[in-house]
Amino acid sequence: MDFLPIRRALLSVTHKDGLAEFAAFLHKKGVELVSTGGTMKFLKDQGLPVTAVSEVTGFPEILNGRVKTLNPRIHGGILANKDVPEHMKTLEEFDIKPFDLVVVNLYDFKSALEKHLDPLAMVEEIDIGGPCLLRASSKNFNSILVLSDPSYYAEAMEEIEKGGVSIEFRRRMAAATFRTTSNYDDMIATWMAGGVQ
């Protein structure tokens, strides 16, 4: 798929910089916004209509928020290749709507390191759902745009204004996202290798 129209977006971010403007832009373009927890509250406070992830999954957040987006109704909508009829038929069969855009940035593990939290508190700062969403979206850049940092919002808006996001931009964002998750995992691995009590 050379040019991807953006109709449905999943937003779940730690850093809210630029999010109000970007989400308002998406809403103006008729994009359905789906979100979680703090991000959903932030968007609602901006007066934007938002669908809760729990409405999509039919399942509430559990384990103190450890499990929110790890669900076939989310990941099926992200990983389906829109150029493969069998994938689209499967989505239809299970009543799963595809996503076109995933906007995720990760829990701030670096700040947690700087606070010298105890090991049990540190592990709660390790993002699980976020990296899963980012990696799934990056893998499927043929059919979805992933944005892992607010610095990409302006360029994404320029792309969306054209009526479709180019494959070149999607691939570049996927590569940047894999670098982000790689660096994030490396930071966590280095901390763990230092000895967790």
C-alpha atoms as a PDB file:
ATOM      1  CA  MET A   1       0.000   0.000   0.000  1.00  0.00           C
ATOM      2  CA  ASP A   2       1.759   3.120  -1.249  1.00  0.00           C
ATOM      3  CA  PHE A   3      -0.465   5.739   0.385  1.00  0.00           C
ATOM      4  CA  LEU A   4      -2.321   5.006   3.605  1.00  0.00           C
ATOM      5  CA  PRO A   5      -5.412   7.029   4.593  1.00  0.00           C
ATOM      6  CA  ILE A   6      -5.648   7.567   8.359  1.00  0.00           C
ATOM      7  CA  ARG A   7      -9.105   6.759   9.726  1.00  0.00           C
ATOM      8  CA  ARG A   8      -8.480   5.182  13.138  1.00  0.00           C
ATOM      9  CA  ALA A   9      -5.718   5.874  15.658  1.00  0.00           C
ATOM     10  CA  LEU A  10      -4.569   4.384  18.950  1.00  0.00           C
ATOM     11  CA  LEU A  11      -2.917   6.899  21.270  1.00  0.00           C
ATOM     12  CA  SER A  12      -1.186   5.928  24.530  1.00  0.00           C
ATOM     13  CA  VAL A  13       1.634   8.197  25.587  1.00  0.00           C
ATOM     14  CA  THR A  14       3.705   9.102  28.629  1.00  0.00           C
ATOM     15  CA  HIS A  15       4.912  12.420  27.192  1.00  0.00           C
ATOM     16  CA  LYS A  16       1.963  14.651  26.279  1.00  0.00           C
ATOM     17  CA  ASP A  17       4.064  17.317  24.456  1.00  0.00           C
ATOM     18  CA  GLY A  18       2.249  18.370  21.290  1.00  0.00           C
ATOM     19  CA  LEU A  19      -0.486  15.778  21.801  1.00  0.00           C
ATOM     20  CA  ALA A  20      -3.366  18.243  22.172  1.00  0.00           C
ATOM     21  CA  GLU A  21      -2.622  19.884  18.824  1.00  0.00           C
ATOM     22  CA  PHE A  22      -1.956  16.590  17.056  1.00  0.00           C
ATOM     23  CA  ALA A  23      -5.077  14.862  18.411  1.00  0.00           C
ATOM     24  CA  ALA A  24      -7.226  17.900  17.555  1.00  0.00           C
ATOM     25  CA  PHE A  25      -5.821  17.766  14.015  1.00  0.00           C
ATOM     26  CA  LEU A  26      -6.688  14.057  13.755  1.00  0.00           C
ATOM     27  CA  HIS A  27     -10.215  14.675  15.034  1.00  0.00           C
ATOM     28  CA  LYS A  28     -10.695  17.486  12.514  1.00  0.00           C
ATOM     29  CA  LYS A  29      -9.677  15.020   9.786  1.00  0.00           C
ATOM     30  CA  GLY A  30     -12.385  12.594  10.949  1.00  0.00           C
ATOM     31  CA  VAL A  31     -10.017  10.116  12.597  1.00  0.00           C
ATOM     32  CA  GLU A  32     -11.484   7.924  15.348  1.00  0.00           C
ATOM     33  CA  LEU A  33      -9.373   8.243  18.510  1.00  0.00           C
ATOM     34  CA  VAL A  34      -8.897   5.204  20.755  1.00  0.00           C
ATOM     35  CA  SER A  35      -6.952   5.570  23.980  1.00  0.00           C
ATOM     36  CA  THR A  36      -6.033   4.357  27.462  1.00  0.00           C
ATOM     37  CA  GLY A  37      -5.923   5.707  31.019  1.00  0.00           C
ATOM     38  CA  GLY A  38      -4.100   8.990  31.446  1.00  0.00           C
ATOM     39  CA  THR A  39      -3.939   9.711  27.724  1.00  0.00           C
ATOM     40  CA  MET A  40      -7.687   9.208  27.373  1.00  0.00           C
ATOM     41  CA  LYS A  41      -8.345  11.588  30.277  1.00  0.00           C
ATOM     42  CA  PHE A  42      -5.994  14.158  28.741  1.00  0.00           C
ATOM     43  CA  LEU A  43      -7.782  13.971  25.382  1.00  0.00           C
ATOM     44  CA  LYS A  44     -11.229  14.207  26.983  1.00  0.00           C
ATOM     45  CA  ASP A  45     -10.043  17.250  28.931  1.00  0.00           C
ATOM     46  CA  GLN A  46      -9.230  18.784  25.524  1.00  0.00           C
ATOM     47  CA  GLY A  47     -12.865  18.256  24.568  1.00  0.00           C
ATOM     48  CA  LEU A  48     -12.084  15.474  22.087  1.00  0.00           C
ATOM     49  CA  PRO A  49     -14.259  12.373  21.644  1.00  0.00           C
ATOM     50  CA  VAL A  50     -12.305   9.257  22.610  1.00  0.00           C
ATOM     51  CA  THR A  51     -13.115   5.554  22.594  1.00  0.00           C
ATOM     52  CA  ALA A  52     -11.668   3.673  25.567  1.00  0.00           C
ATOM     53  CA  VAL A  53      -9.501   0.649  24.800  1.00  0.00           C
ATOM     54  CA  SER A  54     -11.684  -1.305  27.237  1.00  0.00           C
ATOM     55  CA  GLU A  55     -14.678  -0.569  24.986  1.00  0.00           C
ATOM     56  CA  VAL A  56     -12.770  -2.055  22.049  1.00  0.00           C
ATOM     57  CA  THR A  57     -11.527  -5.129  23.916  1.00  0.00           C
ATOM     58  CA  GLY A  58     -14.637  -5.702  26.024  1.00  0.00           C
ATOM     59  CA  PHE A  59     -12.264  -6.215  28.936  1.00  0.00           C
ATOM     60  CA  PRO A  60     -11.187  -3.820  31.719  1.00  0.00           C
ATOM     61  CA  GLU A  61      -7.613  -2.903  32.582  1.00  0.00           C
ATOM     62  CA  ILE A  62      -6.298  -5.452  35.087  1.00  0.00           C
ATOM     63  CA  LEU A  63      -3.286  -6.071  37.340  1.00  0.00           C
ATOM     64  CA  ASN A  64      -2.895  -2.393  38.257  1.00  0.00           C
ATOM     65  CA  GLY A  65      -2.746  -1.432  34.591  1.00  0.00           C
ATOM     66  CA  ARG A  66      -0.183  -4.073  33.604  1.00  0.00           C
ATOM     67  CA  VAL A  67      -2.674  -5.488  31.091  1.00  0.00           C
ATOM     68  CA  LYS A  68      -4.595  -3.006  28.946  1.00  0.00           C
ATOM     69  CA  THR A  69      -3.802  -3.327  25.253  1.00  0.00           C
ATOM     70  CA  LEU A  70      -2.572  -6.944  25.121  1.00  0.00           C
ATOM     71  CA  ASN A  71      -5.659  -8.192  23.317  1.00  0.00           C
ATOM     72  CA  PRO A  72      -6.483  -9.608  19.844  1.00  0.00           C
ATOM     73  CA  ARG A  73      -8.959  -6.776  19.214  1.00  0.00           C
ATOM     74  CA  ILE A  74      -6.050  -4.347  19.511  1.00  0.00           C
ATOM     75  CA  HIS A  75      -3.156  -6.302  18.052  1.00  0.00           C
ATOM     76  CA  GLY A  76      -5.290  -7.886  15.334  1.00  0.00           C
ATOM     77  CA  GLY A  77      -6.250  -4.386  14.219  1.00  0.00           C
ATOM     78  CA  ILE A  78      -2.572  -3.401  14.178  1.00  0.00           C
ATOM     79  CA  LEU A  79      -0.958  -6.487  12.628  1.00  0.00           C
ATOM     80  CA  ALA A  80      -3.429  -7.146   9.804  1.00  0.00           C
ATOM     81  CA  ASN A  81      -1.805  -6.531   6.418  1.00  0.00           C
ATOM     82  CA  LYS A  82      -4.394  -4.527   4.502  1.00  0.00           C
ATOM     83  CA  ASP A  83      -3.039  -5.859   1.201  1.00  0.00           C
ATOM     84  CA  VAL A  84      -3.804  -9.473   2.185  1.00  0.00           C
ATOM     85  CA  PRO A  85      -7.507 -10.298   1.616  1.00  0.00           C
ATOM     86  CA  GLU A  86      -7.330 -13.229   4.057  1.00  0.00           C
ATOM     87  CA  HIS A  87      -6.201 -10.870   6.842  1.00  0.00           C
ATOM     88  CA  MET A  88      -9.067  -8.480   6.167  1.00  0.00           C
ATOM     89  CA  LYS A  89     -11.534 -11.367   6.015  1.00  0.00           C
ATOM     90  CA  THR A  90     -10.298 -12.545   9.425  1.00  0.00           C
ATOM     91  CA  LEU A  91     -10.817  -9.075  10.894  1.00  0.00           C
ATOM     92  CA  GLU A  92     -14.340  -9.058   9.486  1.00  0.00           C
ATOM     93  CA  GLU A  93     -15.023 -12.546  10.836  1.00  0.00           C
ATOM     94  CA  PHE A  94     -14.050 -11.504  14.375  1.00  0.00           C
ATOM     95  CA  ASP A  95     -15.512  -7.996  14.096  1.00  0.00           C
ATOM     96  CA  ILE A  96     -12.113  -6.311  14.557  1.00  0.00           C
ATOM     97  CA  LYS A  97     -11.594  -2.823  13.152  1.00  0.00           C
ATOM     98  CA  PRO A  98      -8.146  -2.083  11.708  1.00  0.00           C
ATOM     99  CA  PHE A  99      -5.937   0.724  12.991  1.00  0.00           C
ATOM    100  CA  ASP A 100      -4.070   3.061  10.655  1.00  0.00           C
ATOM    101  CA  LEU A 101      -1.997   4.965  13.203  1.00  0.00           C
ATOM    102  CA  VAL A 102      -0.364   4.075  16.524  1.00  0.00           C
ATOM    103  CA  VAL A 103       1.013   6.890  18.689  1.00  0.00           C
ATOM    104  CA  VAL A 104       2.927   5.507  21.676  1.00  0.00           C
ATOM    105  CA  ASN A 105       5.846   6.630  23.777  1.00  0.00           C
ATOM    106  CA  LEU A 106       7.179   4.591  26.642  1.00  0.00           C
ATOM    107  CA  TYR A 107       7.249   4.793  30.433  1.00  0.00           C
ATOM    108  CA  ASP A 108      10.169   7.003  31.436  1.00  0.00           C
ATOM    109  CA  PHE A 109      12.556   4.323  32.730  1.00  0.00           C
ATOM    110  CA  LYS A 110      15.506   6.738  32.581  1.00  0.00           C
ATOM    111  CA  SER A 111      13.843   9.070  35.097  1.00  0.00           C
ATOM    112  CA  ALA A 112      13.108   6.079  37.325  1.00  0.00           C
ATOM    113  CA  LEU A 113      16.807   5.172  37.233  1.00  0.00           C
ATOM    114  CA  GLU A 114      17.740   8.692  38.285  1.00  0.00           C
ATOM    115  CA  LYS A 115      15.396   8.422  41.293  1.00  0.00           C
ATOM    116  CA  HIS A 116      17.206   5.255  42.520  1.00  0.00           C
ATOM    117  CA  LEU A 117      13.949   3.479  43.251  1.00  0.00           C
ATOM    118  CA  ASP A 118      14.005   0.088  44.939  1.00  0.00           C
ATOM    119  CA  PRO A 119      13.896  -2.956  42.604  1.00  0.00           C
ATOM    120  CA  LEU A 120      10.180  -3.672  43.113  1.00  0.00           C
ATOM    121  CA  ALA A 121       9.314  -0.080  42.240  1.00  0.00           C
ATOM    122  CA  MET A 122      11.719  -0.127  39.293  1.00  0.00           C
ATOM    123  CA  VAL A 123      10.063  -3.101  37.616  1.00  0.00           C
ATOM    124  CA  GLU A 124       6.760  -1.211  37.637  1.00  0.00           C
ATOM    125  CA  GLU A 125       8.473   1.410  35.464  1.00  0.00           C
ATOM    126  CA  ILE A 126       9.175  -1.198  32.748  1.00  0.00           C
ATOM    127  CA  ASP A 127       6.703  -0.723  29.913  1.00  0.00           C
ATOM    128  CA  ILE A 128       5.331  -3.934  28.381  1.00  0.00           C
ATOM    129  CA  GLY A 129       2.252  -2.984  26.376  1.00  0.00           C
ATOM    130  CA  GLY A 130       3.966   0.048  24.819  1.00  0.00           C
ATOM    131  CA  PRO A 131       6.889  -1.844  23.251  1.00  0.00           C
ATOM    132  CA  CYS A 132       4.466  -4.534  22.037  1.00  0.00           C
ATOM    133  CA  LEU A 133       2.343  -1.896  20.294  1.00  0.00           C
ATOM    134  CA  LEU A 134       5.396  -0.190  18.832  1.00  0.00           C
ATOM    135  CA  ARG A 135       7.015  -3.376  17.546  1.00  0.00           C
ATOM    136  CA  ALA A 136       3.762  -4.705  16.078  1.00  0.00           C
ATOM    137  CA  SER A 137       3.111  -1.404  14.287  1.00  0.00           C
ATOM    138  CA  SER A 138       6.687  -1.179  13.038  1.00  0.00           C
ATOM    139  CA  LYS A 139       6.583  -4.719  11.677  1.00  0.00           C
ATOM    140  CA  ASN A 140       3.389  -3.877   9.786  1.00  0.00           C
ATOM    141  CA  PHE A 141       4.529  -0.503   8.380  1.00  0.00           C
ATOM    142  CA  ASN A 142       3.009  -1.569   5.060  1.00  0.00           C
ATOM    143  CA  SER A 143      -0.423  -1.026   6.602  1.00  0.00           C
ATOM    144  CA  ILE A 144       0.053   1.324   9.544  1.00  0.00           C
ATOM    145  CA  LEU A 145       1.929   4.442  10.631  1.00  0.00           C
ATOM    146  CA  VAL A 146       3.717   4.373  13.986  1.00  0.00           C
ATOM    147  CA  LEU A 147       4.902   7.467  15.838  1.00  0.00           C
ATOM    148  CA  SER A 148       7.120   6.866  18.862  1.00  0.00           C
ATOM    149  CA  ASP A 149       8.091  10.468  19.629  1.00  0.00           C
ATOM    150  CA  PRO A 150       6.272  13.828  19.640  1.00  0.00           C
ATOM    151  CA  SER A 151       8.994  15.278  17.395  1.00  0.00           C
ATOM    152  CA  TYR A 152       7.392  13.401  14.475  1.00  0.00           C
ATOM    153  CA  TYR A 153       3.888  14.889  14.828  1.00  0.00           C
ATOM    154  CA  ALA A 154       4.461  17.885  12.543  1.00  0.00           C
ATOM    155  CA  GLU A 155       5.771  15.773   9.672  1.00  0.00           C
ATOM    156  CA  ALA A 156       2.956  13.270  10.170  1.00  0.00           C
ATOM    157  CA  MET A 157       0.391  16.070   9.895  1.00  0.00           C
ATOM    158  CA  GLU A 158       1.985  17.186   6.620  1.00  0.00           C
ATOM    159  CA  GLU A 159       1.726  13.617   5.311  1.00  0.00           C
ATOM    160  CA  ILE A 160      -1.894  13.219   6.428  1.00  0.00           C
ATOM    161  CA  GLU A 161      -2.814  16.544   4.791  1.00  0.00           C
ATOM    162  CA  LYS A 162      -1.869  14.971   1.445  1.00  0.00           C
ATOM    163  CA  GLY A 163      -4.701  12.485   1.884  1.00  0.00           C
ATOM    164  CA  GLY A 164      -2.460   9.492   2.500  1.00  0.00           C
ATOM    165  CA  VAL A 165       0.754   8.710   4.344  1.00  0.00           C
ATOM    166  CA  SER A 166       3.563   7.554   2.068  1.00  0.00           C
ATOM    167  CA  ILE A 167       5.218   4.153   2.410  1.00  0.00           C
ATOM    168  CA  GLU A 168       8.590   5.907   2.639  1.00  0.00           C
ATOM    169  CA  PHE A 169       7.530   7.882   5.709  1.00  0.00           C
ATOM    170  CA  ARG A 170       5.939   4.819   7.321  1.00  0.00           C
ATOM    171  CA  ARG A 171       9.105   2.789   6.796  1.00  0.00           C
ATOM    172  CA  ARG A 172      11.288   5.571   8.221  1.00  0.00           C
ATOM    173  CA  MET A 173       9.067   5.856  11.302  1.00  0.00           C
ATOM    174  CA  ALA A 174       9.172   2.058  11.732  1.00  0.00           C
ATOM    175  CA  ALA A 175      12.971   2.075  11.648  1.00  0.00           C
ATOM    176  CA  ALA A 176      13.117   4.933  14.165  1.00  0.00           C
ATOM    177  CA  THR A 177      10.697   3.040  16.400  1.00  0.00           C
ATOM    178  CA  PHE A 178      12.742  -0.164  16.359  1.00  0.00           C
ATOM    179  CA  ARG A 179      15.744   1.940  17.429  1.00  0.00           C
ATOM    180  CA  THR A 180      13.653   3.396  20.256  1.00  0.00           C
ATOM    181  CA  THR A 181      12.551  -0.004  21.575  1.00  0.00           C
ATOM    182  CA  SER A 182      16.076  -1.382  21.185  1.00  0.00           C
ATOM    183  CA  ASN A 183      17.555   1.464  23.243  1.00  0.00           C
ATOM    184  CA  TYR A 184      14.800   1.079  25.822  1.00  0.00           C
ATOM    185  CA  ASP A 185      15.455  -2.655  26.212  1.00  0.00           C
ATOM    186  CA  ASP A 186      19.195  -2.035  26.432  1.00  0.00           C
ATOM    187  CA  MET A 187      18.687   0.446  29.277  1.00  0.00           C
ATOM    188  CA  ILE A 188      16.554  -2.075  31.177  1.00  0.00           C
ATOM    189  CA  ALA A 189      18.986  -4.944  30.512  1.00  0.00           C
ATOM    190  CA  THR A 190      21.914  -2.856  31.766  1.00  0.00           C
ATOM    191  CA  TRP A 191      20.031  -2.067  34.982  1.00  0.00           C
ATOM    192  CA  MET A 192      19.037  -5.690  35.514  1.00  0.00           C
ATOM    193  CA  ALA A 193      22.574  -6.934  34.849  1.00  0.00           C
ATOM    194  CA  GLY A 194      23.758  -4.590  37.599  1.00  0.00           C
ATOM    195  CA  GLY A 195      22.016  -6.772  40.141  1.00  0.00           C
ATOM    196  CA  VAL A 196      18.360  -6.713  41.157  1.00  0.00           C
ATOM    197  CA  GLN A 197      17.730  -7.438  44.835  1.00  0.00           C
END
